[in-house]
């Protein structure tokens, strides 16, 4: 079995108001979706460039560059936190970075 270096979990909320979830969903599309959407699109294009660089690095050198791997991990953490917040799975506002 593989030991994965990246783990992601969302804690189940103890209490959740249906009205609050509905309001946060519609307001979140505007106030969270616009700034985070623009940032996520730019981050996605940059991560695509990084994936191409990683492909060439593996092809030429035979190793996956660790710094680029860390960048892709931060990208995935950011995107997962953003999706979890937009789907009302968590109340914690996603930061604009993938740091822990």
N, C-alpha and C. Protein backbone atom coordinates (compact mmCIF):
# COMPACT_ATOMS: atom_id res chain seq x y z
N UNK A 1 0.84 -1.18 0.00
CA UNK A 1 0.00 0.00 0.00
C UNK A 1 0.88 1.25 0.00
N UNK A 2 0.45 2.28 -0.70
CA UNK A 2 1.20 3.51 -0.78
C UNK A 2 0.93 4.40 0.42
N UNK A 3 1.94 5.11 0.85
CA UNK A 3 1.77 6.09 1.92
C UNK A 3 1.77 7.46 1.27
N UNK A 4 0.59 8.06 1.12
CA UNK A 4 0.47 9.32 0.41
C UNK A 4 0.93 10.47 1.31
N UNK A 5 1.71 11.41 0.75
CA UNK A 5 2.19 12.53 1.56
C UNK A 5 1.15 13.63 1.76
N UNK A 6 0.05 13.58 1.02
CA UNK A 6 -0.96 14.63 1.11
C UNK A 6 -2.27 14.04 1.59
N UNK A 7 -2.84 14.65 2.60
CA UNK A 7 -4.12 14.21 3.13
C UNK A 7 -5.04 15.43 3.23
N UNK A 8 -6.32 15.20 2.98
CA UNK A 8 -7.31 16.27 3.05
C UNK A 8 -8.56 15.72 3.71
N UNK A 9 -9.02 16.39 4.72
CA UNK A 9 -10.24 15.96 5.39
C UNK A 9 -11.04 17.19 5.79
N UNK A 10 -12.34 17.04 5.79
CA UNK A 10 -13.25 18.11 6.20
C UNK A 10 -14.03 17.59 7.39
N UNK A 11 -13.96 18.32 8.50
CA UNK A 11 -14.70 17.94 9.70
C UNK A 11 -16.18 18.18 9.49
N UNK A 12 -16.97 17.23 9.92
CA UNK A 12 -18.42 17.35 9.80
C UNK A 12 -18.91 18.41 10.77
N UNK A 13 -19.69 19.41 10.31
CA UNK A 13 -20.16 20.45 11.22
C UNK A 13 -21.15 19.89 12.24
N UNK A 14 -21.00 20.33 13.48
CA UNK A 14 -21.89 19.85 14.54
C UNK A 14 -23.31 20.39 14.38
N UNK A 15 -23.40 21.67 13.99
CA UNK A 15 -24.71 22.29 13.87
C UNK A 15 -24.70 23.17 12.62
N UNK A 16 -25.77 23.09 11.86
CA UNK A 16 -25.84 23.87 10.63
C UNK A 16 -27.27 24.33 10.40
N UNK A 17 -27.45 25.62 10.22
CA UNK A 17 -28.76 26.19 9.96
C UNK A 17 -29.03 26.14 8.45
N UNK A 18 -30.19 25.66 8.07
CA UNK A 18 -30.51 25.55 6.64
C UNK A 18 -30.61 26.92 5.99
N UNK A 19 -31.18 27.87 6.70
CA UNK A 19 -31.32 29.21 6.15
C UNK A 19 -29.95 29.86 5.98
N UNK A 20 -29.08 29.69 6.97
CA UNK A 20 -27.74 30.25 6.88
C UNK A 20 -26.95 29.62 5.74
N UNK A 21 -27.10 28.33 5.55
CA UNK A 21 -26.41 27.65 4.45
C UNK A 21 -26.91 28.17 3.11
N UNK A 22 -28.22 28.35 2.97
CA UNK A 22 -28.78 28.86 1.73
C UNK A 22 -28.32 30.29 1.45
N UNK A 23 -28.33 31.14 2.47
CA UNK A 23 -27.88 32.52 2.30
C UNK A 23 -26.41 32.57 1.97
N UNK A 24 -25.62 31.76 2.67
CA UNK A 24 -24.17 31.76 2.41
C UNK A 24 -23.87 31.22 1.03
N UNK A 25 -24.68 30.29 0.55
CA UNK A 25 -24.46 29.73 -0.79
C UNK A 25 -24.64 30.81 -1.85
N UNK A 26 -25.75 31.57 -1.78
CA UNK A 26 -26.00 32.60 -2.79
C UNK A 26 -25.08 33.80 -2.64
N UNK A 27 -24.83 34.22 -1.42
CA UNK A 27 -23.89 35.34 -1.22
C UNK A 27 -22.46 34.91 -1.52
N UNK A 28 -22.16 33.65 -1.27
CA UNK A 28 -20.81 33.15 -1.54
C UNK A 28 -20.49 33.12 -3.01
N UNK A 29 -21.49 32.92 -3.83
CA UNK A 29 -21.26 32.95 -5.27
C UNK A 29 -20.76 34.31 -5.73
N UNK A 30 -21.22 35.37 -5.05
CA UNK A 30 -20.81 36.72 -5.44
C UNK A 30 -19.54 37.14 -4.72
N UNK A 31 -19.54 37.07 -3.38
CA UNK A 31 -18.44 37.63 -2.61
C UNK A 31 -17.24 36.71 -2.52
N UNK A 32 -17.45 35.42 -2.62
CA UNK A 32 -16.34 34.48 -2.59
C UNK A 32 -15.99 34.05 -4.01
N UNK A 33 -17.00 33.84 -4.82
CA UNK A 33 -16.78 33.30 -6.15
C UNK A 33 -15.99 34.22 -7.06
N UNK A 34 -16.23 35.51 -6.99
CA UNK A 34 -15.56 36.43 -7.91
C UNK A 34 -14.07 36.57 -7.59
N UNK A 35 -13.69 36.99 -6.37
CA UNK A 35 -12.24 37.14 -6.14
C UNK A 35 -11.49 35.81 -6.14
N UNK A 36 -12.07 34.81 -5.54
CA UNK A 36 -11.40 33.51 -5.53
C UNK A 36 -11.44 32.87 -6.91
N UNK A 37 -12.48 33.13 -7.68
CA UNK A 37 -12.55 32.59 -9.03
C UNK A 37 -11.46 33.15 -9.92
N UNK A 38 -11.25 34.46 -9.85
CA UNK A 38 -10.18 35.09 -10.64
C UNK A 38 -8.82 34.54 -10.20
N UNK A 39 -8.63 34.44 -8.89
CA UNK A 39 -7.37 33.92 -8.37
C UNK A 39 -7.18 32.46 -8.75
N UNK A 40 -8.24 31.67 -8.69
CA UNK A 40 -8.15 30.24 -9.02
C UNK A 40 -7.85 30.02 -10.50
N UNK A 41 -8.40 30.85 -11.36
CA UNK A 41 -8.11 30.73 -12.79
C UNK A 41 -6.64 31.04 -13.07
N UNK A 42 -6.14 32.12 -12.47
CA UNK A 42 -4.72 32.46 -12.66
C UNK A 42 -3.82 31.37 -12.07
N UNK A 43 -4.19 30.88 -10.91
CA UNK A 43 -3.43 29.81 -10.25
C UNK A 43 -3.45 28.54 -11.09
N UNK A 44 -4.57 28.26 -11.74
CA UNK A 44 -4.69 27.06 -12.58
C UNK A 44 -3.79 27.15 -13.81
N UNK A 45 -3.75 28.32 -14.45
CA UNK A 45 -2.86 28.47 -15.59
C UNK A 45 -1.40 28.34 -15.18
N UNK A 46 -1.06 28.90 -14.04
CA UNK A 46 0.31 28.79 -13.54
C UNK A 46 0.65 27.34 -13.20
N UNK A 47 -0.30 26.63 -12.60
CA UNK A 47 -0.03 25.24 -12.25
C UNK A 47 0.06 24.36 -13.50
N UNK A 48 -0.64 24.71 -14.57
CA UNK A 48 -0.50 23.99 -15.83
C UNK A 48 0.92 24.15 -16.38
N UNK A 49 1.45 25.37 -16.30
CA UNK A 49 2.83 25.61 -16.71
C UNK A 49 3.80 24.81 -15.85
N UNK A 50 3.53 24.74 -14.55
CA UNK A 50 4.39 23.98 -13.63
C UNK A 50 4.34 22.49 -13.96
N UNK A 51 3.16 21.97 -14.29
CA UNK A 51 3.04 20.56 -14.65
C UNK A 51 3.85 20.26 -15.90
N UNK A 52 3.83 21.15 -16.88
CA UNK A 52 4.63 20.97 -18.09
C UNK A 52 6.11 20.98 -17.75
N UNK A 53 6.53 21.89 -16.86
CA UNK A 53 7.93 21.93 -16.43
C UNK A 53 8.32 20.65 -15.69
N UNK A 54 7.41 20.13 -14.87
CA UNK A 54 7.68 18.88 -14.16
C UNK A 54 7.81 17.73 -15.14
N UNK A 55 6.96 17.71 -16.15
CA UNK A 55 7.04 16.66 -17.18
C UNK A 55 8.40 16.70 -17.86
N UNK A 56 8.84 17.89 -18.24
CA UNK A 56 10.15 18.01 -18.88
C UNK A 56 11.27 17.66 -17.92
N UNK A 57 11.12 18.01 -16.66
CA UNK A 57 12.14 17.68 -15.66
C UNK A 57 12.28 16.17 -15.48
N UNK A 58 11.15 15.48 -15.45
CA UNK A 58 11.20 14.02 -15.33
C UNK A 58 11.75 13.40 -16.60
N UNK A 59 11.40 13.95 -17.74
CA UNK A 59 11.85 13.43 -19.02
C UNK A 59 13.35 13.61 -19.19
N UNK A 60 13.88 14.76 -18.80
CA UNK A 60 15.30 15.07 -19.01
C UNK A 60 16.17 14.56 -17.86
N UNK A 61 15.80 14.90 -16.62
CA UNK A 61 16.65 14.56 -15.48
C UNK A 61 16.29 13.24 -14.83
N UNK A 62 15.05 12.83 -14.97
CA UNK A 62 14.62 11.58 -14.37
C UNK A 62 14.09 11.73 -12.96
N UNK A 63 13.98 12.96 -12.46
CA UNK A 63 13.45 13.19 -11.12
C UNK A 63 12.38 14.28 -11.17
N UNK A 64 11.45 14.19 -10.24
CA UNK A 64 10.39 15.20 -10.12
C UNK A 64 10.92 16.30 -9.22
N UNK A 65 10.98 17.55 -9.68
CA UNK A 65 11.51 18.64 -8.85
C UNK A 65 10.66 18.84 -7.59
N UNK A 66 11.29 18.81 -6.43
CA UNK A 66 10.58 18.87 -5.16
C UNK A 66 9.89 20.22 -4.95
N UNK A 67 10.53 21.31 -5.36
CA UNK A 67 9.92 22.62 -5.16
C UNK A 67 8.65 22.77 -6.01
N UNK A 68 8.65 22.21 -7.20
CA UNK A 68 7.46 22.27 -8.03
C UNK A 68 6.37 21.34 -7.49
N UNK A 69 6.78 20.23 -6.89
CA UNK A 69 5.82 19.34 -6.24
C UNK A 69 5.12 20.08 -5.10
N UNK A 70 5.89 20.82 -4.31
CA UNK A 70 5.30 21.60 -3.21
C UNK A 70 4.32 22.65 -3.73
N UNK A 71 4.65 23.27 -4.85
CA UNK A 71 3.75 24.25 -5.46
C UNK A 71 2.43 23.59 -5.85
N UNK A 72 2.51 22.43 -6.45
CA UNK A 72 1.28 21.73 -6.87
C UNK A 72 0.46 21.26 -5.67
N UNK A 73 1.14 20.91 -4.58
CA UNK A 73 0.42 20.55 -3.35
C UNK A 73 -0.34 21.75 -2.81
N UNK A 74 0.31 22.93 -2.79
CA UNK A 74 -0.36 24.14 -2.33
C UNK A 74 -1.56 24.48 -3.22
N UNK A 75 -1.40 24.29 -4.52
CA UNK A 75 -2.51 24.54 -5.45
C UNK A 75 -3.69 23.62 -5.15
N UNK A 76 -3.43 22.35 -4.95
CA UNK A 76 -4.51 21.40 -4.66
C UNK A 76 -5.17 21.68 -3.32
N UNK A 77 -4.39 22.06 -2.31
CA UNK A 77 -4.98 22.41 -1.02
C UNK A 77 -5.90 23.62 -1.14
N UNK A 78 -5.43 24.63 -1.87
CA UNK A 78 -6.23 25.83 -2.05
C UNK A 78 -7.54 25.50 -2.76
N UNK A 79 -7.45 24.75 -3.84
CA UNK A 79 -8.65 24.43 -4.61
C UNK A 79 -9.63 23.57 -3.81
N UNK A 80 -9.13 22.62 -3.05
CA UNK A 80 -10.01 21.78 -2.22
C UNK A 80 -10.69 22.59 -1.12
N UNK A 81 -9.96 23.50 -0.49
CA UNK A 81 -10.57 24.35 0.54
C UNK A 81 -11.62 25.27 -0.06
N UNK A 82 -11.35 25.79 -1.24
CA UNK A 82 -12.31 26.67 -1.90
C UNK A 82 -13.58 25.91 -2.26
N UNK A 83 -13.46 24.73 -2.80
CA UNK A 83 -14.62 23.93 -3.15
C UNK A 83 -15.41 23.53 -1.90
N UNK A 84 -14.71 23.15 -0.84
CA UNK A 84 -15.38 22.77 0.40
C UNK A 84 -16.17 23.95 0.98
N UNK A 85 -15.59 25.15 0.89
CA UNK A 85 -16.30 26.33 1.40
C UNK A 85 -17.50 26.68 0.52
N UNK A 86 -17.32 26.63 -0.79
CA UNK A 86 -18.41 26.98 -1.70
C UNK A 86 -19.56 25.97 -1.64
N UNK A 87 -19.27 24.72 -1.31
CA UNK A 87 -20.31 23.72 -1.18
C UNK A 87 -20.86 23.64 0.24
N UNK A 88 -20.51 24.62 1.08
CA UNK A 88 -21.00 24.74 2.45
C UNK A 88 -20.64 23.52 3.30
N UNK A 89 -19.50 22.93 3.03
CA UNK A 89 -19.04 21.80 3.83
C UNK A 89 -18.29 22.27 5.07
N UNK A 90 -17.81 23.50 5.06
CA UNK A 90 -17.07 24.05 6.19
C UNK A 90 -17.39 25.54 6.31
N UNK A 91 -17.23 26.08 7.51
CA UNK A 91 -17.47 27.50 7.73
C UNK A 91 -16.19 28.31 7.69
N UNK A 92 -15.06 27.66 7.56
CA UNK A 92 -13.77 28.35 7.58
C UNK A 92 -13.51 28.94 6.19
N UNK A 93 -13.33 30.27 6.14
CA UNK A 93 -13.09 30.97 4.88
C UNK A 93 -11.74 30.52 4.31
N UNK A 94 -11.68 30.18 3.03
CA UNK A 94 -10.42 29.70 2.47
C UNK A 94 -9.41 30.83 2.30
N UNK A 95 -8.18 30.64 2.76
CA UNK A 95 -7.16 31.67 2.54
C UNK A 95 -6.70 31.64 1.08
N UNK A 96 -6.02 32.69 0.67
CA UNK A 96 -5.53 32.76 -0.70
C UNK A 96 -4.21 32.03 -0.87
N UNK A 97 -3.88 31.14 0.01
CA UNK A 97 -2.66 30.36 -0.12
C UNK A 97 -2.98 28.92 0.24
N UNK A 98 -2.08 28.03 -0.10
CA UNK A 98 -2.28 26.62 0.19
C UNK A 98 -1.57 26.17 1.45
N UNK A 99 -1.15 27.12 2.24
CA UNK A 99 -0.42 26.77 3.46
C UNK A 99 -1.37 26.15 4.47
N UNK A 100 -0.83 25.41 5.39
CA UNK A 100 -1.63 24.70 6.39
C UNK A 100 -2.26 25.61 7.35
